[in-house]
Amino acid sequence: MASRDDIKFLSNPNIGQNRKKYCRFRKFGIKYIDYKDPDFLLQFVNEQGKILPRRISGNSLKYQRKVSTAIKRCRHLAMMPYVTDLLK
């Protein structure tokens, strides 16, 4: 029987092993999310301008709510677009 080192995989065997998600706000001690900083808020928006969910961004529930309200306020002030084709 061949050992694990002798077996050649067609794909990377580490594909299913993702790193553990963490809340960057808790890790770095960020208390306030500024809605007047659209460059920072672009990290939490996809190419179409939709807000990324918690399961993708890794934020905790408390900070995901703050991020979503900050993005909505930023959109209201026309600093960020509501809908776009290729934002990033």
C-alpha atoms as a PDB file:
ATOM      1  CA  MET A   1       0.000   0.000   0.000  1.00  0.00           C
ATOM      2  CA  ALA A   2       1.332   3.439  -0.869  1.00  0.00           C
ATOM      3  CA  SER A   3       1.950   5.906   1.925  1.00  0.00           C
ATOM      4  CA  ARG A   4       0.500   9.408   1.967  1.00  0.00           C
ATOM      5  CA  ASP A   5       3.778  10.873   0.699  1.00  0.00           C
ATOM      6  CA  ASP A   6       3.683   8.687  -2.390  1.00  0.00           C
ATOM      7  CA  ILE A   7       0.145   9.719  -3.391  1.00  0.00           C
ATOM      8  CA  LYS A   8      -0.035  12.569  -5.892  1.00  0.00           C
ATOM      9  CA  PHE A   9      -3.134  14.721  -5.617  1.00  0.00           C
ATOM     10  CA  LEU A  10      -4.779  16.363  -8.610  1.00  0.00           C
ATOM     11  CA  SER A  11      -5.798  19.308  -6.449  1.00  0.00           C
ATOM     12  CA  ASN A  12      -4.378  20.882  -3.326  1.00  0.00           C
ATOM     13  CA  PRO A  13      -5.451  18.826  -0.271  1.00  0.00           C
ATOM     14  CA  ASN A  14      -5.462  21.978   1.901  1.00  0.00           C
ATOM     15  CA  ILE A  15      -8.304  23.614  -0.048  1.00  0.00           C
ATOM     16  CA  GLY A  16     -11.002  22.827   2.514  1.00  0.00           C
ATOM     17  CA  GLN A  17      -8.905  23.988   5.464  1.00  0.00           C
ATOM     18  CA  ASN A  18      -9.574  27.700   5.800  1.00  0.00           C
ATOM     19  CA  ARG A  19      -8.103  29.931   8.459  1.00  0.00           C
ATOM     20  CA  LYS A  20     -10.303  30.764  11.401  1.00  0.00           C
ATOM     21  CA  LYS A  21     -12.212  33.998  10.912  1.00  0.00           C
ATOM     22  CA  TYR A  22     -11.779  36.728  13.475  1.00  0.00           C
ATOM     23  CA  CYS A  23     -13.326  40.086  14.178  1.00  0.00           C
ATOM     24  CA  ARG A  24     -10.712  42.669  13.223  1.00  0.00           C
ATOM     25  CA  PHE A  25     -12.411  45.312  15.363  1.00  0.00           C
ATOM     26  CA  ARG A  26     -12.068  43.257  18.539  1.00  0.00           C
ATOM     27  CA  LYS A  27      -8.543  42.195  17.673  1.00  0.00           C
ATOM     28  CA  PHE A  28      -7.225  45.729  17.094  1.00  0.00           C
ATOM     29  CA  GLY A  29      -9.454  47.409  19.681  1.00  0.00           C
ATOM     30  CA  ILE A  30     -11.386  49.650  17.264  1.00  0.00           C
ATOM     31  CA  LYS A  31     -14.360  51.157  19.096  1.00  0.00           C
ATOM     32  CA  TYR A  32     -15.759  53.655  16.577  1.00  0.00           C
ATOM     33  CA  ILE A  33     -16.358  53.088  12.874  1.00  0.00           C
ATOM     34  CA  ASP A  34     -16.200  56.396  11.027  1.00  0.00           C
ATOM     35  CA  TYR A  35     -18.826  56.760   8.301  1.00  0.00           C
ATOM     36  CA  LYS A  36     -16.812  59.610   6.742  1.00  0.00           C
ATOM     37  CA  ASP A  37     -14.020  57.215   5.702  1.00  0.00           C
ATOM     38  CA  PRO A  38     -15.205  55.502   2.502  1.00  0.00           C
ATOM     39  CA  ASP A  39     -11.797  53.932   1.778  1.00  0.00           C
ATOM     40  CA  PHE A  40     -11.995  51.855   4.960  1.00  0.00           C
ATOM     41  CA  LEU A  41     -15.644  50.942   4.369  1.00  0.00           C
ATOM     42  CA  LEU A  42     -14.858  49.635   0.860  1.00  0.00           C
ATOM     43  CA  GLN A  43     -13.347  46.547   2.509  1.00  0.00           C
ATOM     44  CA  PHE A  44     -16.836  45.478   3.597  1.00  0.00           C
ATOM     45  CA  VAL A  45     -18.515  45.951   0.182  1.00  0.00           C
ATOM     46  CA  ASN A  46     -18.317  43.705  -2.876  1.00  0.00           C
ATOM     47  CA  GLU A  47     -17.875  44.776  -6.515  1.00  0.00           C
ATOM     48  CA  GLN A  48     -21.579  45.491  -6.984  1.00  0.00           C
ATOM     49  CA  GLY A  49     -21.714  47.692  -3.895  1.00  0.00           C
ATOM     50  CA  LYS A  50     -23.519  45.204  -1.654  1.00  0.00           C
ATOM     51  CA  ILE A  51     -22.594  44.878   2.013  1.00  0.00           C
ATOM     52  CA  LEU A  52     -20.712  41.651   2.730  1.00  0.00           C
ATOM     53  CA  PRO A  53     -22.373  39.315   5.248  1.00  0.00           C
ATOM     54  CA  ARG A  54     -20.818  38.337   8.567  1.00  0.00           C
ATOM     55  CA  ARG A  55     -19.954  34.834   7.439  1.00  0.00           C
ATOM     56  CA  ILE A  56     -17.668  36.266   4.745  1.00  0.00           C
ATOM     57  CA  SER A  57     -16.262  39.356   6.464  1.00  0.00           C
ATOM     58  CA  GLY A  58     -15.748  37.620   9.822  1.00  0.00           C
ATOM     59  CA  ASN A  59     -17.083  40.519  11.910  1.00  0.00           C
ATOM     60  CA  SER A  60     -18.895  39.966  15.165  1.00  0.00           C
ATOM     61  CA  LEU A  61     -22.595  40.802  15.317  1.00  0.00           C
ATOM     62  CA  LYS A  62     -22.052  44.038  17.237  1.00  0.00           C
ATOM     63  CA  TYR A  63     -19.523  45.434  14.768  1.00  0.00           C
ATOM     64  CA  GLN A  64     -21.337  44.130  11.691  1.00  0.00           C
ATOM     65  CA  ARG A  65     -24.320  46.285  12.694  1.00  0.00           C
ATOM     66  CA  LYS A  66     -22.042  49.305  13.135  1.00  0.00           C
ATOM     67  CA  VAL A  67     -20.375  48.677   9.770  1.00  0.00           C
ATOM     68  CA  SER A  68     -23.716  48.392   7.966  1.00  0.00           C
ATOM     69  CA  THR A  69     -25.064  51.620   9.492  1.00  0.00           C
ATOM     70  CA  ALA A  70     -21.788  53.400   8.660  1.00  0.00           C
ATOM     71  CA  ILE A  71     -22.003  52.220   5.042  1.00  0.00           C
ATOM     72  CA  LYS A  72     -25.625  53.353   4.785  1.00  0.00           C
ATOM     73  CA  ARG A  73     -24.767  56.780   6.200  1.00  0.00           C
ATOM     74  CA  CYS A  74     -21.834  57.073   3.810  1.00  0.00           C
ATOM     75  CA  ARG A  75     -24.121  56.211   0.880  1.00  0.00           C
ATOM     76  CA  HIS A  76     -26.647  58.785   2.044  1.00  0.00           C
ATOM     77  CA  LEU A  77     -23.962  61.487   1.935  1.00  0.00           C
ATOM     78  CA  ALA A  78     -22.989  60.341  -1.602  1.00  0.00           C
ATOM     79  CA  MET A  79     -19.478  59.307  -0.577  1.00  0.00           C
ATOM     80  CA  MET A  80     -20.138  55.735  -1.695  1.00  0.00           C
ATOM     81  CA  PRO A  81     -22.403  54.521  -4.496  1.00  0.00           C
ATOM     82  CA  TYR A  82     -25.513  52.483  -3.814  1.00  0.00           C
ATOM     83  CA  VAL A  83     -25.091  50.333  -6.938  1.00  0.00           C
ATOM     84  CA  THR A  84     -22.160  49.994  -9.321  1.00  0.00           C
ATOM     85  CA  ASP A  85     -20.725  47.624 -11.910  1.00  0.00           C
ATOM     86  CA  LEU A  86     -17.049  47.410 -10.922  1.00  0.00           C
ATOM     87  CA  LEU A  87     -16.357  49.241  -7.684  1.00  0.00           C
ATOM     88  CA  LYS A  88     -12.960  47.748  -6.888  1.00  0.00           C
END
